[in-house]
C-alpha atoms as a PDB file:
ATOM      1  CA  MET A   1     101.959  76.523 111.550  1.00  0.00           C
ATOM      2  CA  ILE A   2     103.193  76.200 107.993  1.00  0.00           C
ATOM      3  CA  ILE A   3     106.697  76.757 106.616  1.00  0.00           C
ATOM      4  CA  GLY A   4     106.790  79.307 103.805  1.00  0.00           C
ATOM      5  CA  LYS A   5     109.095  81.578 101.865  1.00  0.00           C
ATOM      6  CA  VAL A   6     108.286  85.238 101.277  1.00  0.00           C
ATOM      7  CA  ILE A   7     108.267  85.753  97.505  1.00  0.00           C
ATOM      8  CA  GLY A   8     106.748  89.196  97.112  1.00  0.00           C
ATOM      9  CA  THR A   9     104.518  91.966  98.367  1.00  0.00           C
ATOM     10  CA  CYS A  10     100.862  92.867  97.928  1.00  0.00           C
ATOM     11  CA  VAL A  11      99.802  96.511  97.892  1.00  0.00           C
ATOM     12  CA  ALA A  12      96.118  97.449  98.058  1.00  0.00           C
ATOM     13  CA  THR A  13      95.330 101.141  98.224  1.00  0.00           C
ATOM     14  CA  VAL A  14      91.622 100.540  98.736  1.00  0.00           C
ATOM     15  CA  LYS A  15      90.913  98.052 101.537  1.00  0.00           C
ATOM     16  CA  ASP A  16      88.872  97.484 104.683  1.00  0.00           C
ATOM     17  CA  SER A  17      89.768 100.036 107.341  1.00  0.00           C
ATOM     18  CA  LYS A  18      90.784  97.225 109.731  1.00  0.00           C
ATOM     19  CA  LEU A  19      93.654  96.394 107.341  1.00  0.00           C
ATOM     20  CA  GLU A  20      95.094  99.919 107.323  1.00  0.00           C
ATOM     21  CA  GLY A  21      98.757  99.938 108.308  1.00  0.00           C
ATOM     22  CA  LEU A  22      99.263  96.179 107.915  1.00  0.00           C
ATOM     23  CA  LYS A  23     101.980  94.918 105.557  1.00  0.00           C
ATOM     24  CA  MET A  24     100.810  92.178 103.199  1.00  0.00           C
ATOM     25  CA  LEU A  25     103.327  89.679 101.808  1.00  0.00           C
ATOM     26  CA  LEU A  26     103.068  86.858  99.268  1.00  0.00           C
ATOM     27  CA  VAL A  27     104.151  83.577 100.856  1.00  0.00           C
ATOM     28  CA  GLN A  28     104.900  80.315  99.038  1.00  0.00           C
ATOM     29  CA  PRO A  29     104.433  77.211 101.208  1.00  0.00           C
ATOM     30  CA  VAL A  30     107.615  75.100 101.189  1.00  0.00           C
ATOM     31  CA  SER A  31     108.891  71.768 102.473  1.00  0.00           C
ATOM     32  CA  PRO A  32     111.584  71.556 105.186  1.00  0.00           C
ATOM     33  CA  LYS A  33     114.082  71.427 102.292  1.00  0.00           C
ATOM     34  CA  ILE A  34     112.605  74.697 100.960  1.00  0.00           C
ATOM     35  CA  GLU A  35     110.954  73.066  97.951  1.00  0.00           C
ATOM     36  CA  ASN A  36     107.734  74.723  96.759  1.00  0.00           C
ATOM     37  CA  GLN A  37     104.497  73.057  97.889  1.00  0.00           C
ATOM     38  CA  GLY A  38     100.973  74.218  97.150  1.00  0.00           C
ATOM     39  CA  SER A  39      99.629  77.625  96.230  1.00  0.00           C
ATOM     40  CA  MET A  40     100.922  80.934  97.508  1.00  0.00           C
ATOM     41  CA  VAL A  41      98.951  82.967 100.026  1.00  0.00           C
ATOM     42  CA  VAL A  42      98.736  86.618 101.007  1.00  0.00           C
ATOM     43  CA  ALA A  43      99.718  86.896 104.676  1.00  0.00           C
ATOM     44  CA  ILE A  44      99.818  89.791 107.100  1.00  0.00           C
ATOM     45  CA  ASP A  45     103.355  90.324 108.411  1.00  0.00           C
ATOM     46  CA  SER A  46     103.425  90.605 112.210  1.00  0.00           C
ATOM     47  CA  VAL A  47     107.209  90.193 112.655  1.00  0.00           C
ATOM     48  CA  GLY A  48     108.975  92.346 110.062  1.00  0.00           C
ATOM     49  CA  ALA A  49     109.751  89.640 107.505  1.00  0.00           C
ATOM     50  CA  GLY A  50     111.203  90.458 104.102  1.00  0.00           C
ATOM     51  CA  ILE A  51     111.382  89.006 100.618  1.00  0.00           C
ATOM     52  CA  GLY A  52     113.457  85.810 100.500  1.00  0.00           C
ATOM     53  CA  GLU A  53     113.046  84.949 104.168  1.00  0.00           C
ATOM     54  CA  VAL A  54     111.775  81.589 105.361  1.00  0.00           C
ATOM     55  CA  VAL A  55     108.892  82.078 107.785  1.00  0.00           C
ATOM     56  CA  LEU A  56     106.241  80.294 109.789  1.00  0.00           C
ATOM     57  CA  TYR A  57     102.673  81.336 109.121  1.00  0.00           C
ATOM     58  CA  ALA A  58      99.260  80.336 110.397  1.00  0.00           C
ATOM     59  CA  SER A  59      95.999  80.367 108.516  1.00  0.00           C
ATOM     60  CA  GLY A  60      92.316  80.238 109.321  1.00  0.00           C
ATOM     61  CA  SER A  61      91.039  81.356 112.708  1.00  0.00           C
ATOM     62  CA  SER A  62      94.564  81.049 114.175  1.00  0.00           C
ATOM     63  CA  ALA A  63      95.627  83.941 111.936  1.00  0.00           C
ATOM     64  CA  ARG A  64      93.557  86.285 114.071  1.00  0.00           C
ATOM     65  CA  GLN A  65      95.388  85.412 117.302  1.00  0.00           C
ATOM     66  CA  THR A  66      98.383  87.789 117.075  1.00  0.00           C
ATOM     67  CA  GLU A  67      98.452  91.316 118.474  1.00  0.00           C
ATOM     68  CA  ALA A  68      98.650  92.729 114.935  1.00  0.00           C
ATOM     69  CA  THR A  69      95.691  90.726 113.600  1.00  0.00           C
ATOM     70  CA  ASN A  70      93.358  90.424 116.590  1.00  0.00           C
ATOM     71  CA  ASN A  71      89.738  90.749 115.378  1.00  0.00           C
ATOM     72  CA  LYS A  72      90.855  91.691 111.858  1.00  0.00           C
ATOM     73  CA  PRO A  73      89.592  90.110 108.613  1.00  0.00           C
ATOM     74  CA  VAL A  74      92.715  88.061 107.822  1.00  0.00           C
ATOM     75  CA  ASP A  75      93.181  84.439 106.829  1.00  0.00           C
ATOM     76  CA  ALA A  76      96.991  84.158 107.078  1.00  0.00           C
ATOM     77  CA  VAL A  77      99.625  85.767 109.300  1.00  0.00           C
ATOM     78  CA  ILE A  78     103.410  85.486 109.389  1.00  0.00           C
ATOM     79  CA  MET A  79     104.362  84.994 113.028  1.00  0.00           C
ATOM     80  CA  ALA A  80     108.006  83.871 112.964  1.00  0.00           C
ATOM     81  CA  ILE A  81     111.164  84.159 110.877  1.00  0.00           C
ATOM     82  CA  VAL A  82     112.985  80.819 110.692  1.00  0.00           C
ATOM     83  CA  ASP A  83     116.668  80.607 111.632  1.00  0.00           C
ATOM     84  CA  THR A  84     117.196  76.856 111.252  1.00  0.00           C
ATOM     85  CA  LEU A  85     115.227  73.790 110.180  1.00  0.00           C
ATOM     86  CA  GLU A  86     116.476  70.378 111.259  1.00  0.00           C
ATOM     87  CA  VAL A  87     114.926  67.035 110.289  1.00  0.00           C
ATOM     88  CA  ASN A  88     116.273  63.713 111.615  1.00  0.00           C
ATOM     89  CA  ASN A  89     119.451  65.391 112.901  1.00  0.00           C
ATOM     90  CA  GLU A  90     120.103  66.939 109.467  1.00  0.00           C
ATOM     91  CA  VAL A  91     119.973  70.701 108.978  1.00  0.00           C
ATOM     92  CA  THR A  92     117.761  71.294 105.948  1.00  0.00           C
ATOM     93  CA  PHE A  93     117.809  75.087 106.160  1.00  0.00           C
ATOM     94  CA  GLN A  94     120.121  77.585 107.838  1.00  0.00           C
ATOM     95  CA  LYS A  95     119.530  81.338 107.673  1.00  0.00           C
ATOM     96  CA  GLU A  96     122.535  83.160 106.265  1.00  0.00           C
END
């Protein structure tokens, strides 16, 4: 799993029928201190995340393991909304 922050949405009117009804969000990978790392990805939202939320997402074949993405052509899926991140007994992120 990778820590990311939802930074936007992706709307595609024309898409594979297996993607119908799935919400696509733009996710920026971040460090535990919520500093940007790497390139953003388009991820299917399986948990009802929104813009600005810190999330956990999986990519590759693991992205097709949720109920929402099973056997669908996806490469990234948001599967958790983060409440708290703690590193070495220090809280680096706390959901408001």
